């Protein structure tokens, strides 16, 4: 997926969270299967509402978006696209959802083709994801690292947990280099050791 750290989060000590960056260099994301089969458009809507509730717990009932973010869908197969796309777009517009970076006016994710392990994910019918509004200017890896270095609330765990669980951006190596040079005490946190091992192995080639 084309993702990067590109949105300042006040609740995370003004550090950066991930955003979709259409056209940007590819990173890696994790696809989590839905708990129930997608058989009707209403199943997609239920999943979208639940996904947005997780992103914005104080959102109104049935919402799938706000001015700063939106749930979008990507149809991986022709069969799913033909069956669900028009109905999803209709629901997206009826609920007042709007386009932003990564989600177009039809509520579709503009992230390019789905790929799994270097192969096209043609067996994936529907992907739902939350896109959030990025900063007007894409921050550099140094700016991203500096934001974590400057905060003292433990929010650097966002980066290390992403790396640990395989959610990666193209800038991770440069971000890690800057974090390592900062010598912040939390670099010794044992919870971060698995991610640091991965980052160090990559740095050494």
Protein backbone atom coordinates (compact mmCIF):
# COMPACT_ATOMS: atom_id res chain seq x y z
CA UNK A 1 0.00 0.00 0.00
CA UNK A 2 1.24 3.57 -0.66
CA UNK A 3 1.43 4.79 2.95
CA UNK A 4 3.58 7.27 4.84
CA UNK A 5 3.62 9.20 8.10
CA UNK A 6 1.83 12.36 7.13
CA UNK A 7 -0.77 13.56 9.63
CA UNK A 8 -0.03 15.39 12.88
CA UNK A 9 -1.99 13.92 15.80
CA UNK A 10 -2.57 16.19 18.80
CA UNK A 11 -3.59 13.18 20.88
CA UNK A 12 -0.20 11.59 20.16
CA UNK A 13 1.95 14.49 21.32
CA UNK A 14 1.88 16.19 17.91
CA UNK A 15 3.69 13.26 16.33
CA UNK A 16 2.73 11.81 12.96
CA UNK A 17 0.30 9.04 12.12
CA UNK A 18 -0.02 7.11 8.87
CA UNK A 19 -1.91 8.33 5.82
CA UNK A 20 -2.45 7.00 2.34
CA UNK A 21 -0.30 8.70 -0.28
CA UNK A 22 -1.68 7.89 -3.73
CA UNK A 23 1.16 7.72 -6.22
CA UNK A 24 3.75 7.46 -3.49
CA UNK A 25 6.29 4.69 -2.98
CA UNK A 26 4.73 1.45 -1.75
CA UNK A 27 4.82 0.40 1.86
CA UNK A 28 3.27 -2.63 3.53
CA UNK A 29 -0.08 -3.02 5.27
CA UNK A 30 -1.96 -5.89 6.88
CA UNK A 31 -5.29 -7.20 5.62
CA UNK A 32 -7.55 -8.49 8.39
CA UNK A 33 -10.40 -10.77 7.29
CA UNK A 34 -13.94 -9.72 8.11
CA UNK A 35 -15.63 -11.81 10.81
CA UNK A 36 -18.60 -12.50 8.52
CA UNK A 37 -18.83 -13.23 4.79
CA UNK A 38 -19.71 -10.25 2.57
CA UNK A 39 -22.91 -11.34 0.87
CA UNK A 40 -24.89 -8.08 0.55
CA UNK A 41 -24.12 -4.38 0.30
CA UNK A 42 -25.50 -4.02 3.82
CA UNK A 43 -22.66 -6.26 5.04
CA UNK A 44 -20.13 -3.80 3.60
CA UNK A 45 -21.96 -0.89 5.24
CA UNK A 46 -21.98 -2.67 8.62
CA UNK A 47 -18.23 -3.25 8.37
CA UNK A 48 -17.64 0.37 7.32
CA UNK A 49 -19.67 1.72 10.24
CA UNK A 50 -17.80 -0.52 12.69
CA UNK A 51 -14.45 0.51 11.20
CA UNK A 52 -15.28 4.21 11.52
CA UNK A 53 -16.54 3.68 15.09
CA UNK A 54 -13.12 2.26 15.93
CA UNK A 55 -11.44 5.29 14.33
CA UNK A 56 -13.83 7.85 15.85
CA UNK A 57 -15.59 6.44 18.94
CA UNK A 58 -17.63 9.64 19.44
CA UNK A 59 -18.99 9.64 15.89
CA UNK A 60 -22.75 9.74 15.36
CA UNK A 61 -24.54 6.45 14.86
CA UNK A 62 -24.12 5.07 11.35
CA UNK A 63 -21.36 7.51 10.32
CA UNK A 64 -18.55 6.40 8.03
CA UNK A 65 -16.67 9.70 7.71
CA UNK A 66 -15.90 13.18 9.01
CA UNK A 67 -14.12 16.21 7.55
CA UNK A 68 -10.76 14.67 8.50
CA UNK A 69 -11.25 11.09 7.41
CA UNK A 70 -13.42 8.52 5.68
CA UNK A 71 -13.87 4.82 5.16
CA UNK A 72 -13.33 3.80 1.55
CA UNK A 73 -13.53 0.53 -0.31
CA UNK A 74 -11.47 -1.18 -2.95
CA UNK A 75 -12.94 -4.00 -5.02
CA UNK A 76 -10.31 -6.55 -5.93
CA UNK A 77 -12.37 -8.77 -8.19
CA UNK A 78 -14.54 -7.97 -11.19
CA UNK A 79 -17.42 -9.94 -9.67
CA UNK A 80 -17.39 -7.91 -6.44
CA UNK A 81 -17.05 -4.65 -8.36
CA UNK A 82 -20.05 -5.43 -10.56
CA UNK A 83 -22.14 -6.61 -7.62
CA UNK A 84 -21.41 -3.98 -4.99
CA UNK A 85 -19.73 -0.89 -6.42
CA UNK A 86 -22.80 1.16 -7.46
CA UNK A 87 -24.70 0.41 -4.26
CA UNK A 88 -21.67 1.28 -2.11
CA UNK A 89 -21.21 4.59 -3.92
CA UNK A 90 -24.89 5.42 -3.41
CA UNK A 91 -24.63 4.74 0.33
CA UNK A 92 -21.38 6.68 0.56
CA UNK A 93 -23.00 9.78 -0.92
CA UNK A 94 -26.27 9.43 1.00
CA UNK A 95 -24.33 9.42 4.27
CA UNK A 96 -22.68 12.70 3.36
CA UNK A 97 -19.19 11.27 3.03
CA UNK A 98 -16.72 13.31 1.00
CA UNK A 99 -13.53 12.66 -0.93
CA UNK A 100 -10.05 13.17 0.50
CA UNK A 101 -6.57 11.84 -0.15
CA UNK A 102 -6.93 8.16 -0.97
CA UNK A 103 -10.74 8.09 -1.28
CA UNK A 104 -12.55 9.50 -4.32
CA UNK A 105 -16.04 10.99 -4.61
CA UNK A 106 -17.50 7.52 -5.21
CA UNK A 107 -16.07 6.26 -1.91
CA UNK A 108 -13.47 4.11 -3.63
CA UNK A 109 -9.91 3.76 -2.40
CA UNK A 110 -7.40 5.02 -4.97
CA UNK A 111 -4.44 2.93 -3.90
CA UNK A 112 -3.64 0.97 -7.02
CA UNK A 113 -4.01 -2.79 -7.38
CA UNK A 114 -3.93 -5.05 -4.36
CA UNK A 115 -0.77 -7.11 -4.18
CA UNK A 116 0.09 -9.96 -1.82
CA UNK A 117 3.66 -11.16 -1.63
CA UNK A 118 4.42 -9.50 -4.98
CA UNK A 119 1.44 -11.10 -6.70
CA UNK A 120 -1.87 -9.52 -7.64
CA UNK A 121 -4.49 -10.28 -4.99
CA UNK A 122 -7.22 -11.32 -7.42
CA UNK A 123 -8.90 -13.53 -4.82
CA UNK A 124 -9.63 -10.55 -2.57
CA UNK A 125 -13.15 -9.27 -3.16
CA UNK A 126 -13.47 -6.20 -0.94
CA UNK A 127 -11.01 -4.15 1.10
CA UNK A 128 -12.19 -1.49 3.55
CA UNK A 129 -9.80 1.04 5.02
CA UNK A 130 -9.90 4.39 6.79
CA UNK A 131 -8.16 7.26 5.02
CA UNK A 132 -7.33 10.42 6.97
CA UNK A 133 -6.57 13.93 5.78
CA UNK A 134 -2.79 14.44 5.41
CA UNK A 135 -0.84 17.60 6.09
CA UNK A 136 -0.57 19.91 3.09
CA UNK A 137 3.15 19.20 2.82
CA UNK A 138 4.53 15.68 3.17
CA UNK A 139 6.95 15.70 6.13
CA UNK A 140 10.49 14.45 5.65
CA UNK A 141 11.69 11.38 7.59
CA UNK A 142 13.73 13.74 9.79
CA UNK A 143 10.62 15.79 10.63
CA UNK A 144 8.71 12.62 11.44
CA UNK A 145 11.50 11.37 13.71
CA UNK A 146 11.94 14.78 15.37
CA UNK A 147 8.27 14.81 16.34
CA UNK A 148 8.69 11.55 18.27
CA UNK A 149 11.96 12.74 19.75
CA UNK A 150 10.30 15.95 21.00
CA UNK A 151 7.36 14.29 22.77
CA UNK A 152 7.47 12.64 26.19
CA UNK A 153 4.22 10.72 26.29
CA UNK A 154 5.35 7.35 25.01
CA UNK A 155 3.84 7.94 21.58
CA UNK A 156 6.93 6.62 19.83
CA UNK A 157 5.31 3.23 20.45
CA UNK A 158 3.16 3.92 17.38
CA UNK A 159 6.22 3.60 15.15
CA UNK A 160 7.76 0.60 16.88
CA UNK A 161 4.48 -1.31 16.99
CA UNK A 162 3.93 -0.68 13.29
CA UNK A 163 7.35 -2.11 12.49
CA UNK A 164 6.88 -5.03 14.88
CA UNK A 165 3.64 -6.10 13.24
CA UNK A 166 4.75 -5.52 9.65
CA UNK A 167 3.07 -2.21 8.82
CA UNK A 168 5.84 -0.42 6.97
CA UNK A 169 6.51 2.81 5.11
CA UNK A 170 9.34 3.50 2.63
CA UNK A 171 10.85 5.98 5.11
CA UNK A 172 11.24 3.61 8.05
CA UNK A 173 14.99 3.22 7.61
CA UNK A 174 15.66 6.97 7.56
CA UNK A 175 13.29 7.52 10.49
CA UNK A 176 15.07 4.85 12.52
CA UNK A 177 18.49 6.36 11.78
CA UNK A 178 17.35 9.71 13.20
CA UNK A 179 15.67 8.14 16.23
CA UNK A 180 18.77 6.09 16.99
CA UNK A 181 21.01 9.15 16.88
CA UNK A 182 18.76 10.93 19.40
CA UNK A 183 19.76 8.52 22.21
CA UNK A 184 16.37 8.95 23.86
CA UNK A 185 15.97 6.75 26.98
CA UNK A 186 12.95 4.97 25.55
CA UNK A 187 15.17 3.36 22.91
CA UNK A 188 16.05 0.88 25.65
CA UNK A 189 12.43 -0.14 26.19
CA UNK A 190 12.40 -3.96 25.92
CA UNK A 191 8.97 -3.80 24.25
CA UNK A 192 10.65 -2.11 21.29
CA UNK A 193 13.41 -4.70 20.92
CA UNK A 194 11.65 -6.85 18.25
CA UNK A 195 11.12 -3.81 16.02
CA UNK A 196 14.63 -2.50 16.62
CA UNK A 197 16.07 -5.90 15.67
CA UNK A 198 14.20 -5.69 12.36
CA UNK A 199 15.31 -2.13 11.70
CA UNK A 200 18.94 -2.86 12.56
CA UNK A 201 19.02 -5.93 10.35
CA UNK A 202 17.69 -3.85 7.45
CA UNK A 203 20.21 -1.09 8.13
CA UNK A 204 23.07 -3.56 7.95
CA UNK A 205 21.81 -4.92 4.63
